[in-house]
C-alpha cells in the first residue's frame, strides 16, 4: 500500500501576491511522472483575502497503489523533507 505523507510545517510553498498563487519551489509537482501532485489553498486567509498558505496533496489518494509509481522523485527533490512516501 502506498501512502503519501505531507508535512505542511516543513514545506516552503510561499504565496506570490502578484500571481495570486504559489510560484516558487513546486519541485515535487514538477517531478511527479504521473502528475499526481497538486496544490490547494488552506482555509486561513491573509489580510488581503488571498489564501495565506497552500498545501501539496496527492490526487487519487485513495487509489495511490494504482497510480503512484513509488519512484520517490517527489521525495528526492523536496529541499525541506516535507514529503514522504510510505510503501
Foldseek 3Di string as FASTA:
>chain_A
DKAKAFAQVQADQAADVVVLGGDPDCVLCVQQPQNQKDKDADPDADPVRGGGDITIDGPPRVVCVPRGPPPCRSQVSGPRNRIDMDD
